[in-house]
């Protein structure tokens, strides 16, 4: 999703959570700053839905859940809340939660030209600090390209890049899929 930073609005996490519950639009929260989220492109949406559609039956059998863009993730208690394009959790507390996910296993961001830099740098840094997170997936909406960051031992993270014809494994949830699945129905022709 496209983020617009609003420098003038500052509030505590508690104020943010109360305020956000009454808003029509979604807003992320980063260290006291409010970030307004706006809509993405049709390919952006279709990519997220293609992945969601294939993941849901697989995860349901494992007692896990997958949510798309309208579910908040608490990336750091009382200082960061994000709306990733897709989030997977298998944590029993998260499965009962009605407000936000605290222990995600996999987070997916579909990259748009306006958000790619932020998703690949600051969000990557913030997400890697979540102890439960095992994989962070970045999917390009402009070309057939996927990057996966996978937790290793200690502070080590492994990086994998996938393109046309590749199978993408998400080891933490024992799921593998062809990259073409993500881009089904997507045209890269310019309008």
Protein backbone atom coordinates (compact mmCIF):
# COMPACT_ATOMS: atom_id res chain seq x y z
CA UNK A 1 0.00 0.00 0.00
CA UNK A 2 1.06 3.58 -0.57
CA UNK A 3 2.09 5.44 2.56
CA UNK A 4 1.87 9.18 3.14
CA UNK A 5 3.76 10.42 6.16
CA UNK A 6 1.96 12.98 8.28
CA UNK A 7 4.64 14.86 10.22
CA UNK A 8 2.25 16.96 12.29
CA UNK A 9 0.42 14.12 14.05
CA UNK A 10 2.14 12.59 17.11
CA UNK A 11 0.48 10.42 19.73
CA UNK A 12 1.14 7.60 22.15
CA UNK A 13 0.49 3.98 21.15
CA UNK A 14 -2.55 3.88 23.40
CA UNK A 15 -3.96 7.04 21.80
CA UNK A 16 -3.20 5.63 18.34
CA UNK A 17 -5.02 2.32 18.99
CA UNK A 18 -8.09 4.12 20.34
CA UNK A 19 -8.07 6.71 17.52
CA UNK A 20 -7.34 4.17 14.74
CA UNK A 21 -10.38 2.08 15.74
CA UNK A 22 -12.63 5.03 14.77
CA UNK A 23 -11.00 5.86 11.43
CA UNK A 24 -12.35 5.02 7.97
CA UNK A 25 -8.84 4.86 6.45
CA UNK A 26 -6.01 2.77 7.84
CA UNK A 27 -2.96 4.31 9.49
CA UNK A 28 0.31 2.74 10.56
CA UNK A 29 2.12 3.88 13.68
CA UNK A 30 5.90 4.27 13.91
CA UNK A 31 7.47 5.63 17.08
CA UNK A 32 4.76 8.23 17.69
CA UNK A 33 4.20 9.17 14.04
CA UNK A 34 1.05 8.38 12.09
CA UNK A 35 1.37 7.05 8.54
CA UNK A 36 -1.78 7.21 6.38
CA UNK A 37 -2.25 4.26 4.05
CA UNK A 38 -3.88 4.65 0.66
CA UNK A 39 -4.90 2.09 -1.93
CA UNK A 40 -2.57 0.11 -4.15
CA UNK A 41 -2.87 -0.80 -7.81
CA UNK A 42 -5.01 -3.59 -9.23
CA UNK A 43 -1.94 -5.81 -9.87
CA UNK A 44 -0.83 -5.16 -6.26
CA UNK A 45 -4.22 -6.37 -4.99
CA UNK A 46 -4.37 -9.35 -7.37
CA UNK A 47 -0.92 -10.58 -6.32
CA UNK A 48 -1.86 -10.49 -2.63
CA UNK A 49 -5.15 -12.28 -3.34
CA UNK A 50 -3.46 -14.93 -5.51
CA UNK A 51 -1.13 -15.81 -2.64
CA UNK A 52 -3.91 -15.63 -0.03
CA UNK A 53 -6.15 -17.95 -2.06
CA UNK A 54 -3.47 -20.64 -2.30
CA UNK A 55 -2.31 -20.30 1.32
CA UNK A 56 -5.64 -20.36 3.12
CA UNK A 57 -6.55 -24.07 2.68
CA UNK A 58 -2.97 -25.11 3.49
CA UNK A 59 -2.85 -23.05 6.67
CA UNK A 60 -6.33 -23.92 7.89
CA UNK A 61 -5.26 -27.59 8.12
CA UNK A 62 -2.35 -26.55 10.34
CA UNK A 63 -4.35 -24.41 12.75
CA UNK A 64 -2.87 -21.19 11.36
CA UNK A 65 -4.48 -18.11 9.86
CA UNK A 66 -3.61 -15.80 7.01
CA UNK A 67 -4.93 -12.25 6.81
CA UNK A 68 -4.68 -9.59 4.17
CA UNK A 69 -4.05 -5.84 4.37
CA UNK A 70 -6.69 -4.84 6.94
CA UNK A 71 -5.02 -6.59 9.91
CA UNK A 72 -2.51 -4.76 12.09
CA UNK A 73 0.76 -6.31 13.24
CA UNK A 74 2.37 -5.09 16.44
CA UNK A 75 6.03 -4.92 15.46
CA UNK A 76 7.22 -3.54 18.78
CA UNK A 77 5.09 -3.19 21.89
CA UNK A 78 3.79 0.37 22.22
CA UNK A 79 5.87 1.83 19.42
CA UNK A 80 5.12 0.25 16.00
CA UNK A 81 2.01 -1.07 14.28
CA UNK A 82 1.88 -1.97 10.59
CA UNK A 83 -0.61 -3.24 8.02
CA UNK A 84 1.32 -5.73 5.88
CA UNK A 85 -0.24 -6.97 2.66
CA UNK A 86 -0.37 -10.49 4.10
CA UNK A 87 0.41 -11.89 7.54
CA UNK A 88 0.51 -15.50 8.73
CA UNK A 89 0.34 -16.55 12.36
CA UNK A 90 0.00 -19.90 14.11
CA UNK A 91 0.16 -18.48 17.62
CA UNK A 92 -2.85 -19.46 19.80
CA UNK A 93 -3.18 -15.94 21.25
CA UNK A 94 -3.14 -14.38 17.78
CA UNK A 95 -5.79 -16.82 16.59
CA UNK A 96 -8.14 -15.37 19.24
CA UNK A 97 -7.08 -11.72 18.81
CA UNK A 98 -9.57 -9.16 17.55
CA UNK A 99 -7.25 -6.14 17.56
CA UNK A 100 -3.81 -7.02 16.13
CA UNK A 101 -1.30 -9.82 15.50
CA UNK A 102 1.63 -9.96 17.93
CA UNK A 103 3.45 -13.13 16.86
CA UNK A 104 3.51 -13.35 13.07
CA UNK A 105 5.38 -16.23 11.46
CA UNK A 106 5.42 -14.81 7.89
CA UNK A 107 4.90 -11.25 6.66
CA UNK A 108 4.42 -10.41 2.98
CA UNK A 109 4.66 -6.98 1.39
CA UNK A 110 3.74 -6.44 -2.27
CA UNK A 111 6.03 -3.71 -3.54
CA UNK A 112 4.69 -0.67 -5.34
CA UNK A 113 6.99 1.95 -6.88
CA UNK A 114 6.07 4.41 -4.13
CA UNK A 115 6.64 1.98 -1.20
CA UNK A 116 9.44 -0.32 -2.38
CA UNK A 117 12.26 1.63 -0.76
CA UNK A 118 10.48 1.85 2.61
CA UNK A 119 9.43 -1.83 2.58
CA UNK A 120 12.97 -2.96 1.67
CA UNK A 121 14.76 -0.84 4.28
CA UNK A 122 12.93 0.49 7.34
CA UNK A 123 10.15 -2.11 7.41
CA UNK A 124 12.71 -4.86 6.88
CA UNK A 125 14.63 -3.53 9.89
CA UNK A 126 11.51 -3.27 12.06
CA UNK A 127 10.06 -6.63 11.05
CA UNK A 128 13.33 -8.51 11.70
CA UNK A 129 13.07 -7.38 15.33
CA UNK A 130 9.88 -9.42 15.82
CA UNK A 131 11.05 -12.57 17.65
CA UNK A 132 8.38 -14.86 16.14
CA UNK A 133 8.95 -13.78 12.51
CA UNK A 134 10.57 -16.52 10.42
CA UNK A 135 10.16 -15.15 6.88
CA UNK A 136 9.69 -11.75 5.29
CA UNK A 137 8.58 -11.88 1.65
CA UNK A 138 8.81 -8.97 -0.79
CA UNK A 139 6.87 -9.36 -4.04
CA UNK A 140 7.45 -6.93 -6.90
CA UNK A 141 4.21 -5.76 -8.53
CA UNK A 142 6.00 -4.36 -11.60
CA UNK A 143 8.02 -7.45 -12.64
CA UNK A 144 8.21 -11.16 -11.82
CA UNK A 145 10.55 -10.97 -8.86
CA UNK A 146 10.30 -12.18 -5.25
CA UNK A 147 12.76 -11.76 -2.38
CA UNK A 148 12.58 -13.83 0.80
CA UNK A 149 14.41 -13.06 4.03
CA UNK A 150 14.52 -16.16 6.23
CA UNK A 151 15.58 -16.20 9.88
CA UNK A 152 18.76 -18.16 10.57
CA UNK A 153 20.61 -18.71 13.83
CA UNK A 154 21.08 -15.78 16.21
CA UNK A 155 20.79 -12.51 14.34
CA UNK A 156 21.54 -14.14 10.98
CA UNK A 157 19.02 -13.73 8.15
CA UNK A 158 19.32 -15.56 4.83
CA UNK A 159 18.37 -13.83 1.58
CA UNK A 160 16.88 -15.61 -1.44
CA UNK A 161 15.81 -14.13 -4.77
CA UNK A 162 13.35 -15.78 -7.15
CA UNK A 163 12.25 -15.03 -10.70
CA UNK A 164 10.41 -16.56 -13.67
CA UNK A 165 10.18 -20.37 -13.45
CA UNK A 166 11.30 -20.65 -9.80
CA UNK A 167 9.58 -22.45 -6.94
CA UNK A 168 9.40 -20.43 -3.75
CA UNK A 169 9.58 -22.34 -0.46
CA UNK A 170 8.20 -20.89 2.74
CA UNK A 171 9.89 -23.29 5.11
CA UNK A 172 8.30 -22.04 8.33
CA UNK A 173 4.85 -23.11 7.13
CA UNK A 174 5.97 -26.02 4.91
CA UNK A 175 4.54 -24.44 1.76
CA UNK A 176 6.04 -24.22 -1.72
CA UNK A 177 4.60 -22.57 -4.82
CA UNK A 178 5.57 -21.59 -8.36
CA UNK A 179 6.28 -17.89 -8.76
CA UNK A 180 3.81 -17.82 -11.66
CA UNK A 181 0.99 -18.44 -9.14
CA UNK A 182 1.52 -14.95 -7.74
CA UNK A 183 1.35 -13.31 -11.14
CA UNK A 184 -1.62 -15.23 -12.54
CA UNK A 185 -3.79 -12.75 -14.45
CA UNK A 186 -1.20 -9.96 -14.15
CA UNK A 187 -0.07 -8.09 -17.26
CA UNK A 188 3.16 -6.11 -17.16
CA UNK A 189 2.23 -4.13 -20.28
CA UNK A 190 2.06 -0.37 -19.72
CA UNK A 191 -1.34 1.24 -20.21
